[in-house]
Every structure is written in C-alpha cells, then in structure tokens.
Amino acid sequence: MKVYRIISSGEYRTFGPKIDTRENRTGCRFDGSFLESWKPIHLTIRPAEQCGISDKIPDLNFVSTTTPLLTPKAFDILYPYLKPYSQFFETTTDYGNMFLVNVTNINDCLDYENCELKYFSNSERIMRIDNFCFFDEKLNELEIFLIPEERRAFPYVTEGLKNIIEENGLTGFRFELIYG
C-alpha cells in the first residue's frame, strides 16, 4: 500500500490568525487529540512576501504550517471520507467560512525495524524519519492519519484518499510519496 505526506503546494498564500497572538496561533495548531470544544479564530491570508505566490484561494490550505483548512467545496467532497478520522471546525476568514481539520486518527503503524530513524543524541526520542516503513495491515485504503512520533506534522494519506482528491481536481497541496 502506498502512503503519502500531504503538504502545501507552495503555490498559494497560506492563512493565519487575523489577530496574531500566541493564543490564536496555538488554537489553530492541533496534535490529533480529540477536542471537546474549540474557540473560533478569524483567519486571514498571509502577505505574499511571507509565503506562496498566488492570490487565489486553493481548495485545501494550511494554517500554522500543518493544520489543513478546507474551502466549502473541498469540505463537501472530502467530509464523507475524512469524518471517521477527523474533527471539523468551521471558522471565518476574509474569504468566507472554511473548515479547519483536526486529524484525530493517530495510527501506530510505523515499522521501527524497517525504518531509517534518527534519534536525538541525548534521548530515545525520534528527531526525524529518513525512510518510512509501515505495517500494511494497520492501514486502510481510504485513510488520513498522523503517527504518534509526529503528531504535529503534516498528515499522511493512503492512495485511495489521494485518488479521490485528485479525481475531484482539488488544489493547494501536493502528495509526497513516502512509502510503497
């Protein structure tokens, strides 16, 4: 089975809190934990010199680097597939309402024995993963997930979900093949 990291295409400007406080930045940075409640934060597009090149609003964007942000079009298409694995928080932006995605599916599927891992020198914590390997039996064909070792990283998707996104022509991101 193939697994991809879903990341920003780099072609579009990204969003951030309109009122740029630490509390607001933290409120948009999820770690996969299920949230009982969430305080809405108004988002605005970042200045062109800070990120991306296009003023167009893509179907999928990111806030606080790794939190997916969906337009209503992307939400309508992806909701049935992401719902088992995510929470959605409607928020306001300068371009209308959009949906932040909290990926709550923490899949402990990393095959340590067959990965190439780099550890911090003073601990057994993983610093980075240079070569991914997953237990296929722990993955579903249509899945978005995080791994416990990288709860604040870009989400991962399996090939079935990647295909649905591509078949619907959604914009704003790219897929980096990391396994398979």
N, C-alpha and C. Protein backbone atom coordinates (compact mmCIF):
# COMPACT_ATOMS: atom_id res chain seq x y z
N MET A 1 0.85 -1.18 0.00
CA MET A 1 0.00 0.00 0.00
C MET A 1 0.89 1.24 0.00
N LYS A 2 0.48 2.25 -0.74
CA LYS A 2 1.24 3.50 -0.80
C LYS A 2 0.72 4.49 0.23
N VAL A 3 1.66 5.23 0.82
CA VAL A 3 1.34 6.27 1.79
C VAL A 3 2.03 7.56 1.34
N TYR A 4 1.29 8.66 1.45
CA TYR A 4 1.78 9.96 1.02
C TYR A 4 1.68 10.95 2.18
N ARG A 5 2.63 11.86 2.22
CA ARG A 5 2.52 13.01 3.11
C ARG A 5 1.82 14.09 2.28
N ILE A 6 0.79 14.69 2.85
CA ILE A 6 0.07 15.75 2.13
C ILE A 6 0.62 17.08 2.63
N ILE A 7 1.19 17.86 1.71
CA ILE A 7 1.85 19.11 2.08
C ILE A 7 1.39 20.23 1.15
N SER A 8 1.67 21.43 1.53
CA SER A 8 1.31 22.59 0.73
C SER A 8 2.04 22.56 -0.60
N SER A 9 1.34 22.95 -1.65
CA SER A 9 1.97 23.00 -2.98
C SER A 9 2.98 24.13 -3.06
N GLY A 10 2.90 25.10 -2.17
CA GLY A 10 3.80 26.24 -2.19
C GLY A 10 3.42 27.29 -3.23
N GLU A 11 2.31 27.07 -3.93
CA GLU A 11 1.88 27.99 -4.97
C GLU A 11 0.92 29.06 -4.47
N TYR A 12 0.42 28.88 -3.25
CA TYR A 12 -0.61 29.77 -2.73
C TYR A 12 -0.18 30.37 -1.42
N ARG A 13 -0.73 31.52 -1.11
CA ARG A 13 -0.50 32.13 0.19
C ARG A 13 -1.26 31.34 1.25
N THR A 14 -0.69 31.22 2.42
CA THR A 14 -1.32 30.45 3.49
C THR A 14 -2.10 31.37 4.43
N PHE A 15 -2.87 30.77 5.30
CA PHE A 15 -3.69 31.51 6.26
C PHE A 15 -3.05 31.51 7.63
N GLY A 16 -3.41 32.51 8.41
CA GLY A 16 -3.02 32.60 9.80
C GLY A 16 -4.06 33.41 10.53
N PRO A 17 -3.99 33.45 11.86
CA PRO A 17 -4.96 34.23 12.62
C PRO A 17 -4.89 35.71 12.25
N LYS A 18 -6.07 36.33 12.10
CA LYS A 18 -6.11 37.77 11.79
C LYS A 18 -5.50 38.56 12.94
N ILE A 19 -5.85 38.16 14.16
CA ILE A 19 -5.23 38.75 15.35
C ILE A 19 -4.14 37.77 15.77
N ASP A 20 -2.91 38.13 15.47
CA ASP A 20 -1.79 37.21 15.61
C ASP A 20 -1.25 37.20 17.03
N THR A 21 -1.94 36.44 17.89
CA THR A 21 -1.48 36.27 19.27
C THR A 21 -1.04 34.82 19.45
N ARG A 22 -0.30 34.58 20.48
CA ARG A 22 0.14 33.21 20.77
C ARG A 22 -1.06 32.29 20.98
N GLU A 23 -2.07 32.79 21.70
CA GLU A 23 -3.28 32.00 21.94
C GLU A 23 -3.96 31.61 20.62
N ASN A 24 -4.07 32.55 19.70
CA ASN A 24 -4.71 32.26 18.42
C ASN A 24 -3.88 31.31 17.57
N ARG A 25 -2.56 31.49 17.57
CA ARG A 25 -1.70 30.56 16.81
C ARG A 25 -1.81 29.15 17.38
N THR A 26 -1.80 29.04 18.70
CA THR A 26 -1.92 27.74 19.35
C THR A 26 -3.29 27.13 19.09
N GLY A 27 -4.32 27.95 19.01
CA GLY A 27 -5.68 27.47 18.77
C GLY A 27 -5.88 26.87 17.39
N CYS A 28 -4.96 27.11 16.49
CA CYS A 28 -5.01 26.55 15.14
C CYS A 28 -4.02 25.42 14.95
N ARG A 29 -3.31 25.04 15.97
CA ARG A 29 -2.27 24.03 15.86
C ARG A 29 -2.73 22.78 16.62
N PHE A 30 -3.21 21.80 15.90
CA PHE A 30 -3.75 20.60 16.51
C PHE A 30 -2.68 19.51 16.59
N ASP A 31 -2.87 18.58 17.54
CA ASP A 31 -1.92 17.47 17.68
C ASP A 31 -2.61 16.11 17.61
N GLY A 32 -3.82 16.09 17.10
CA GLY A 32 -4.54 14.83 16.96
C GLY A 32 -5.42 14.49 18.15
N SER A 33 -5.32 15.24 19.23
CA SER A 33 -6.18 14.99 20.39
C SER A 33 -7.60 15.42 20.06
N PHE A 34 -8.58 14.64 20.52
CA PHE A 34 -9.99 14.98 20.32
C PHE A 34 -10.30 16.20 21.19
N LEU A 35 -10.93 17.19 20.60
CA LEU A 35 -11.27 18.41 21.33
C LEU A 35 -12.76 18.43 21.66
N GLU A 36 -13.08 18.65 22.93
CA GLU A 36 -14.48 18.75 23.34
C GLU A 36 -15.10 20.05 22.86
N SER A 37 -14.28 21.09 22.78
CA SER A 37 -14.75 22.38 22.29
C SER A 37 -13.58 23.09 21.63
N TRP A 38 -13.92 24.13 20.87
CA TRP A 38 -12.90 24.91 20.18
C TRP A 38 -13.41 26.33 20.03
N LYS A 39 -12.56 27.28 20.30
CA LYS A 39 -12.92 28.69 20.19
C LYS A 39 -12.59 29.17 18.77
N PRO A 40 -13.60 29.59 18.00
CA PRO A 40 -13.35 30.04 16.63
C PRO A 40 -12.35 31.20 16.56
N ILE A 41 -11.52 31.14 15.54
CA ILE A 41 -10.50 32.16 15.32
C ILE A 41 -10.66 32.66 13.89
N HIS A 42 -10.77 33.97 13.73
CA HIS A 42 -10.89 34.53 12.38
C HIS A 42 -9.53 34.46 11.70
N LEU A 43 -9.52 33.93 10.48
CA LEU A 43 -8.27 33.75 9.73
C LEU A 43 -8.18 34.72 8.57
N THR A 44 -6.96 35.07 8.26
CA THR A 44 -6.70 35.93 7.11
C THR A 44 -5.54 35.34 6.32
N ILE A 45 -5.43 35.76 5.09
CA ILE A 45 -4.35 35.26 4.24
C ILE A 45 -3.07 36.01 4.60
N ARG A 46 -1.97 35.33 4.62
CA ARG A 46 -0.68 35.96 4.96
C ARG A 46 -0.19 36.79 3.79
N PRO A 47 0.58 37.83 4.07
CA PRO A 47 1.12 38.66 2.99
C PRO A 47 1.94 37.84 2.00
N ALA A 48 1.92 38.23 0.74
CA ALA A 48 2.59 37.48 -0.33
C ALA A 48 4.07 37.26 -0.05
N GLU A 49 4.72 38.23 0.55
CA GLU A 49 6.16 38.07 0.79
C GLU A 49 6.45 37.03 1.87
N GLN A 50 5.44 36.63 2.63
CA GLN A 50 5.66 35.63 3.68
C GLN A 50 5.52 34.21 3.17
N CYS A 51 4.72 33.98 2.14
CA CYS A 51 4.52 32.62 1.69
C CYS A 51 3.74 32.57 0.39
N GLY A 52 4.11 31.67 -0.47
CA GLY A 52 3.36 31.41 -1.69
C GLY A 52 3.41 32.56 -2.67
N ILE A 53 2.76 32.35 -3.81
CA ILE A 53 2.83 33.36 -4.86
C ILE A 53 1.48 33.78 -5.42
N SER A 54 0.46 32.99 -5.24
CA SER A 54 -0.83 33.26 -5.87
C SER A 54 -1.82 33.87 -4.88
N ASP A 55 -2.64 34.79 -5.37
CA ASP A 55 -3.69 35.36 -4.54
C ASP A 55 -4.96 34.51 -4.58
N LYS A 56 -5.00 33.50 -5.44
CA LYS A 56 -6.17 32.62 -5.50
C LYS A 56 -6.25 31.81 -4.21
N ILE A 57 -7.47 31.45 -3.86
CA ILE A 57 -7.69 30.65 -2.66
C ILE A 57 -7.82 29.19 -3.09
N PRO A 58 -6.90 28.33 -2.66
CA PRO A 58 -6.98 26.92 -3.06
C PRO A 58 -8.04 26.18 -2.25
N ASP A 59 -8.38 24.99 -2.73
CA ASP A 59 -9.38 24.17 -2.04
C ASP A 59 -8.89 23.67 -0.69
N LEU A 60 -7.60 23.40 -0.60
CA LEU A 60 -7.01 22.96 0.65
C LEU A 60 -5.80 23.83 0.92
N ASN A 61 -5.73 24.37 2.12
CA ASN A 61 -4.63 25.21 2.52
C ASN A 61 -4.17 24.71 3.89
N PHE A 62 -3.21 25.38 4.45
CA PHE A 62 -2.75 25.00 5.78
C PHE A 62 -2.67 26.24 6.67
N VAL A 63 -2.93 26.04 7.95
CA VAL A 63 -2.82 27.07 8.97
C VAL A 63 -1.81 26.54 9.98
N SER A 64 -1.00 27.43 10.53
CA SER A 64 0.04 27.02 11.49
C SER A 64 0.86 25.87 10.91
N THR A 65 1.17 25.97 9.69
CA THR A 65 2.02 25.06 8.93
C THR A 65 1.37 23.73 8.60
N THR A 66 0.78 23.03 9.56
CA THR A 66 0.35 21.65 9.30
C THR A 66 -1.14 21.37 9.51
N THR A 67 -1.94 22.35 9.88
CA THR A 67 -3.37 22.13 10.10
C THR A 67 -4.12 22.37 8.79
N PRO A 68 -4.75 21.33 8.23
CA PRO A 68 -5.48 21.52 6.98
C PRO A 68 -6.67 22.47 7.14
N LEU A 69 -6.89 23.29 6.12
CA LEU A 69 -8.01 24.23 6.04
C LEU A 69 -8.70 23.98 4.71
N LEU A 70 -9.99 23.66 4.76
CA LEU A 70 -10.76 23.31 3.57
C LEU A 70 -11.76 24.40 3.20
N THR A 71 -11.89 24.66 1.91
CA THR A 71 -12.97 25.50 1.42
C THR A 71 -14.27 24.70 1.52
N PRO A 72 -15.43 25.35 1.42
CA PRO A 72 -16.68 24.58 1.44
C PRO A 72 -16.73 23.51 0.34
N LYS A 73 -16.20 23.80 -0.84
CA LYS A 73 -16.17 22.81 -1.92
C LYS A 73 -15.38 21.57 -1.50
N ALA A 74 -14.18 21.77 -0.97
CA ALA A 74 -13.35 20.64 -0.53
C ALA A 74 -14.00 19.90 0.63
N PHE A 75 -14.61 20.64 1.54
CA PHE A 75 -15.30 20.03 2.68
C PHE A 75 -16.42 19.11 2.20
N ASP A 76 -17.24 19.60 1.26
CA ASP A 76 -18.36 18.80 0.75
C ASP A 76 -17.87 17.51 0.10
N ILE A 77 -16.77 17.57 -0.61
CA ILE A 77 -16.23 16.39 -1.29
C ILE A 77 -15.58 15.43 -0.30
N LEU A 78 -14.78 15.95 0.63
CA LEU A 78 -13.95 15.10 1.48
C LEU A 78 -14.60 14.67 2.79
N TYR A 79 -15.63 15.37 3.22
CA TYR A 79 -16.24 15.06 4.52
C TYR A 79 -16.58 13.58 4.70
N PRO A 80 -17.24 12.93 3.74
CA PRO A 80 -17.58 11.51 3.96
C PRO A 80 -16.36 10.61 4.18
N TYR A 81 -15.24 10.98 3.60
CA TYR A 81 -14.03 10.16 3.71
C TYR A 81 -13.20 10.51 4.94
N LEU A 82 -13.21 11.78 5.34
CA LEU A 82 -12.40 12.22 6.47
C LEU A 82 -13.11 12.08 7.81
N LYS A 83 -14.45 12.05 7.77
CA LYS A 83 -15.24 12.05 9.01
C LYS A 83 -14.81 10.98 10.03
N PRO A 84 -14.54 9.74 9.62
CA PRO A 84 -14.14 8.75 10.64
C PRO A 84 -12.79 9.04 11.29
N TYR A 85 -12.02 9.93 10.71
CA TYR A 85 -10.64 10.14 11.15
C TYR A 85 -10.36 11.55 11.65
N SER A 86 -11.38 12.43 11.67
CA SER A 86 -11.11 13.84 11.91
C SER A 86 -12.27 14.54 12.62
N GLN A 87 -11.94 15.71 13.15
CA GLN A 87 -12.93 16.67 13.61
C GLN A 87 -12.86 17.87 12.68
N PHE A 88 -13.98 18.56 12.52
CA PHE A 88 -14.03 19.73 11.66
C PHE A 88 -14.52 20.92 12.47
N PHE A 89 -13.87 22.06 12.29
CA PHE A 89 -14.25 23.28 12.98
C PHE A 89 -14.45 24.38 11.96
N GLU A 90 -15.70 24.83 11.86
CA GLU A 90 -15.98 25.91 10.93
C GLU A 90 -15.43 27.20 11.50
N THR A 91 -14.78 27.96 10.65
CA THR A 91 -14.18 29.22 11.08
C THR A 91 -14.40 30.27 10.01
N THR A 92 -14.29 31.51 10.40
CA THR A 92 -14.47 32.60 9.44
C THR A 92 -13.10 33.01 8.90
N THR A 93 -13.12 33.47 7.65
CA THR A 93 -11.92 34.02 7.03
C THR A 93 -12.33 35.27 6.27
N ASP A 94 -11.36 36.00 5.79
CA ASP A 94 -11.66 37.17 4.95
C ASP A 94 -12.30 36.76 3.64
N TYR A 95 -12.33 35.46 3.34
CA TYR A 95 -12.87 34.94 2.08
C TYR A 95 -14.09 34.04 2.30
N GLY A 96 -14.73 34.17 3.42
CA GLY A 96 -15.90 33.35 3.74
C GLY A 96 -15.55 32.26 4.74
N ASN A 97 -16.54 31.46 5.07
CA ASN A 97 -16.34 30.39 6.03
C ASN A 97 -15.54 29.25 5.41
N MET A 98 -14.68 28.66 6.23
CA MET A 98 -13.89 27.49 5.84
C MET A 98 -13.84 26.54 7.02
N PHE A 99 -13.20 25.40 6.82
CA PHE A 99 -13.21 24.34 7.83
C PHE A 99 -11.79 23.90 8.17
N LEU A 100 -11.42 24.06 9.45
CA LEU A 100 -10.16 23.51 9.94
C LEU A 100 -10.36 22.03 10.21
N VAL A 101 -9.35 21.24 9.92
CA VAL A 101 -9.42 19.79 10.11
C VAL A 101 -8.45 19.39 11.22
N ASN A 102 -8.98 18.77 12.25
CA ASN A 102 -8.18 18.18 13.31
C ASN A 102 -8.14 16.68 13.04
N VAL A 103 -7.04 16.21 12.50
CA VAL A 103 -6.90 14.77 12.22
C VAL A 103 -6.70 14.06 13.55
N THR A 104 -7.70 13.27 13.95
CA THR A 104 -7.67 12.61 15.27
C THR A 104 -7.27 11.15 15.16
N ASN A 105 -7.02 10.68 13.97
CA ASN A 105 -6.62 9.30 13.75
C ASN A 105 -5.10 9.19 13.94
N ILE A 106 -4.72 8.77 15.14
CA ILE A 106 -3.30 8.54 15.45
C ILE A 106 -3.05 7.05 15.24
N ASN A 107 -2.43 6.72 14.13
CA ASN A 107 -2.25 5.33 13.75
C ASN A 107 -0.82 4.90 14.11
N ASP A 108 -0.72 3.97 15.03
CA ASP A 108 0.58 3.45 15.47
C ASP A 108 1.01 2.35 14.50
N CYS A 109 1.35 2.76 13.28
CA CYS A 109 1.61 1.82 12.20
C CYS A 109 3.05 1.84 11.70
N LEU A 110 3.90 2.62 12.34
CA LEU A 110 5.29 2.73 11.90
C LEU A 110 6.06 1.46 12.25
N ASP A 111 6.73 0.89 11.28
CA ASP A 111 7.54 -0.32 11.45
C ASP A 111 8.97 0.10 11.79
N TYR A 112 9.26 0.21 13.08
CA TYR A 112 10.56 0.70 13.54
C TYR A 112 11.73 -0.11 12.98
N GLU A 113 11.56 -1.41 12.90
CA GLU A 113 12.67 -2.26 12.48
C GLU A 113 13.09 -2.01 11.04
N ASN A 114 12.17 -1.55 10.22
CA ASN A 114 12.48 -1.36 8.80
C ASN A 114 12.52 0.10 8.37
N CYS A 115 12.39 1.02 9.33
CA CYS A 115 12.51 2.45 9.04
C CYS A 115 13.95 2.89 9.25
N GLU A 116 14.28 4.01 8.68
CA GLU A 116 15.56 4.65 8.97
C GLU A 116 15.25 5.84 9.87
N LEU A 117 15.57 5.70 11.13
CA LEU A 117 15.24 6.71 12.14
C LEU A 117 16.49 7.39 12.65
N LYS A 118 16.38 8.69 12.90
CA LYS A 118 17.46 9.45 13.53
C LYS A 118 16.93 9.92 14.89
N TYR A 119 17.70 9.64 15.93
CA TYR A 119 17.30 9.98 17.29
C TYR A 119 18.09 11.18 17.80
N PHE A 120 17.50 11.91 18.71
CA PHE A 120 18.24 12.96 19.41
C PHE A 120 19.35 12.29 20.21
N SER A 121 20.50 12.91 20.27
CA SER A 121 21.66 12.29 20.92
C SER A 121 21.48 12.11 22.42
N ASN A 122 20.65 12.93 23.04
CA ASN A 122 20.51 12.86 24.50
C ASN A 122 19.23 12.15 24.95
N SER A 123 18.54 11.47 24.02
CA SER A 123 17.32 10.76 24.42
C SER A 123 16.99 9.69 23.39
N GLU A 124 15.91 8.98 23.66
CA GLU A 124 15.44 7.97 22.70
C GLU A 124 14.30 8.51 21.86
N ARG A 125 14.12 9.83 21.88
CA ARG A 125 13.10 10.46 21.05
C ARG A 125 13.57 10.55 19.62
N ILE A 126 12.63 10.34 18.71
CA ILE A 126 12.95 10.40 17.28
C ILE A 126 13.07 11.86 16.86
N MET A 127 14.18 12.18 16.22
CA MET A 127 14.41 13.52 15.70
C MET A 127 13.78 13.63 14.31
N ARG A 128 13.97 12.60 13.47
CA ARG A 128 13.37 12.59 12.14
C ARG A 128 13.33 11.17 11.61
N ILE A 129 12.49 11.00 10.61
CA ILE A 129 12.36 9.71 9.94
C ILE A 129 12.86 9.92 8.52
N ASP A 130 13.96 9.27 8.18
CA ASP A 130 14.55 9.44 6.85
C ASP A 130 13.99 8.45 5.83
N ASN A 131 13.54 7.30 6.28
CA ASN A 131 12.97 6.30 5.39
C ASN A 131 11.81 5.63 6.12
N PHE A 132 10.60 5.81 5.58
CA PHE A 132 9.40 5.29 6.24
C PHE A 132 9.12 3.85 5.85
N CYS A 133 8.60 3.11 6.80
CA CYS A 133 8.06 1.78 6.55
C CYS A 133 6.88 1.60 7.50
N PHE A 134 5.76 1.13 6.96
CA PHE A 134 4.55 0.96 7.76
C PHE A 134 4.10 -0.49 7.74
N PHE A 135 3.35 -0.87 8.75
CA PHE A 135 2.69 -2.17 8.75
C PHE A 135 1.43 -2.03 7.90
N ASP A 136 1.42 -2.63 6.73
CA ASP A 136 0.29 -2.51 5.81
C ASP A 136 -1.04 -2.92 6.44
N GLU A 137 -1.00 -3.92 7.28
CA GLU A 137 -2.24 -4.42 7.88
C GLU A 137 -2.88 -3.41 8.84
N LYS A 138 -2.15 -2.38 9.22
CA LYS A 138 -2.70 -1.34 10.09
C LYS A 138 -3.23 -0.15 9.32
N LEU A 139 -3.18 -0.19 7.97
CA LEU A 139 -3.63 0.91 7.13
C LEU A 139 -4.91 0.55 6.40
N ASN A 140 -5.78 1.55 6.22
CA ASN A 140 -6.99 1.39 5.42
C ASN A 140 -6.77 2.07 4.08
N GLU A 141 -7.47 1.60 3.05
CA GLU A 141 -7.31 2.16 1.71
C GLU A 141 -7.69 3.63 1.63
N LEU A 142 -8.70 4.05 2.38
CA LEU A 142 -9.15 5.45 2.38
C LEU A 142 -8.92 6.02 3.77
N GLU A 143 -7.73 6.54 4.00
CA GLU A 143 -7.40 6.96 5.36
C GLU A 143 -6.54 8.21 5.36
N ILE A 144 -6.79 9.06 6.33
CA ILE A 144 -5.89 10.16 6.67
C ILE A 144 -5.48 9.91 8.12
N PHE A 145 -4.19 10.13 8.42
CA PHE A 145 -3.74 9.81 9.76
C PHE A 145 -2.48 10.60 10.12
N LEU A 146 -2.20 10.58 11.41
CA LEU A 146 -0.94 11.04 11.96
C LEU A 146 -0.30 9.84 12.62
N ILE A 147 0.99 9.91 12.86
CA ILE A 147 1.65 8.85 13.61
C ILE A 147 2.06 9.42 14.97
N PRO A 148 2.10 8.59 16.01
CA PRO A 148 2.42 9.09 17.35
C PRO A 148 3.76 9.83 17.41
N GLU A 149 4.68 9.45 16.56
CA GLU A 149 6.01 10.05 16.57
C GLU A 149 6.02 11.45 15.98
N GLU A 150 4.97 11.81 15.24
CA GLU A 150 4.90 13.12 14.58
C GLU A 150 3.48 13.68 14.63
N ARG A 151 2.99 13.91 15.82
CA ARG A 151 1.61 14.36 15.97
C ARG A 151 1.36 15.77 15.49
N ARG A 152 2.38 16.58 15.35
CA ARG A 152 2.21 17.95 14.87
C ARG A 152 2.80 18.13 13.47
N ALA A 153 2.92 17.05 12.74
CA ALA A 153 3.46 17.10 11.39
C ALA A 153 2.32 17.12 10.37
N PHE A 154 2.69 17.24 9.09
CA PHE A 154 1.69 17.15 8.04
C PHE A 154 1.03 15.78 8.12
N PRO A 155 -0.28 15.71 7.81
CA PRO A 155 -0.96 14.42 7.83
C PRO A 155 -0.50 13.51 6.69
N TYR A 156 -0.77 12.23 6.87
CA TYR A 156 -0.48 11.22 5.86
C TYR A 156 -1.80 10.72 5.29
N VAL A 157 -1.78 10.32 4.03
CA VAL A 157 -2.97 9.73 3.41
C VAL A 157 -2.56 8.48 2.64
N THR A 158 -3.50 7.55 2.54
CA THR A 158 -3.26 6.37 1.73
C THR A 158 -3.72 6.66 0.29
N GLU A 159 -3.37 5.76 -0.61
CA GLU A 159 -3.58 6.02 -2.03
C GLU A 159 -5.04 6.20 -2.41
N GLY A 160 -5.94 5.48 -1.77
CA GLY A 160 -7.36 5.63 -2.11
C GLY A 160 -7.86 7.05 -1.88
N LEU A 161 -7.47 7.65 -0.77
CA LEU A 161 -7.88 9.02 -0.48
C LEU A 161 -7.18 10.00 -1.43
N LYS A 162 -5.93 9.76 -1.71
CA LYS A 162 -5.19 10.58 -2.69
C LYS A 162 -5.92 10.58 -4.02
N ASN A 163 -6.36 9.42 -4.47
CA ASN A 163 -7.06 9.32 -5.76
C ASN A 163 -8.36 10.11 -5.77
N ILE A 164 -9.11 10.07 -4.68
CA ILE A 164 -10.37 10.83 -4.60
C ILE A 164 -10.09 12.32 -4.69
N ILE A 165 -9.05 12.78 -4.00
CA ILE A 165 -8.69 14.19 -4.03
C ILE A 165 -8.31 14.60 -5.45
N GLU A 166 -7.50 13.79 -6.11
CA GLU A 166 -7.05 14.11 -7.47
C GLU A 166 -8.20 14.04 -8.48
N GLU A 167 -9.06 13.04 -8.35
CA GLU A 167 -10.19 12.88 -9.28
C GLU A 167 -11.14 14.07 -9.22
N ASN A 168 -11.19 14.74 -8.07
CA ASN A 168 -12.07 15.89 -7.91
C ASN A 168 -11.36 17.22 -8.21
N GLY A 169 -10.11 17.16 -8.62
CA GLY A 169 -9.38 18.35 -9.04
C GLY A 169 -9.16 19.38 -7.94
N LEU A 170 -9.05 18.94 -6.70
CA LEU A 170 -8.83 19.88 -5.60
C LEU A 170 -7.41 20.44 -5.67
N THR A 171 -7.26 21.71 -5.31
CA THR A 171 -5.99 22.40 -5.46
C THR A 171 -5.39 22.81 -4.11
N GLY A 172 -4.10 23.16 -4.13
CA GLY A 172 -3.46 23.77 -2.97
C GLY A 172 -2.44 22.91 -2.26
N PHE A 173 -2.25 21.69 -2.69
CA PHE A 173 -1.35 20.80 -1.98
C PHE A 173 -0.75 19.83 -2.97
N ARG A 174 0.21 19.09 -2.48
CA ARG A 174 0.80 18.03 -3.29
C ARG A 174 1.03 16.82 -2.40
N PHE A 175 1.24 15.72 -3.05
CA PHE A 175 1.47 14.47 -2.33
C PHE A 175 2.91 14.04 -2.48
N GLU A 176 3.55 13.79 -1.36
CA GLU A 176 4.92 13.31 -1.36
C GLU A 176 4.89 11.82 -0.98
N LEU A 177 5.25 10.95 -1.93
CA LEU A 177 5.25 9.52 -1.67
C LEU A 177 6.35 9.22 -0.65
N ILE A 178 5.94 8.61 0.46
CA ILE A 178 6.93 8.29 1.49
C ILE A 178 7.04 6.78 1.73
N TYR A 179 6.09 6.02 1.16
CA TYR A 179 6.12 4.57 1.39
C TYR A 179 5.33 3.86 0.31
N GLY A 180 5.88 2.76 -0.17
CA GLY A 180 5.15 1.91 -1.12
C GLY A 180 5.70 1.88 -2.51
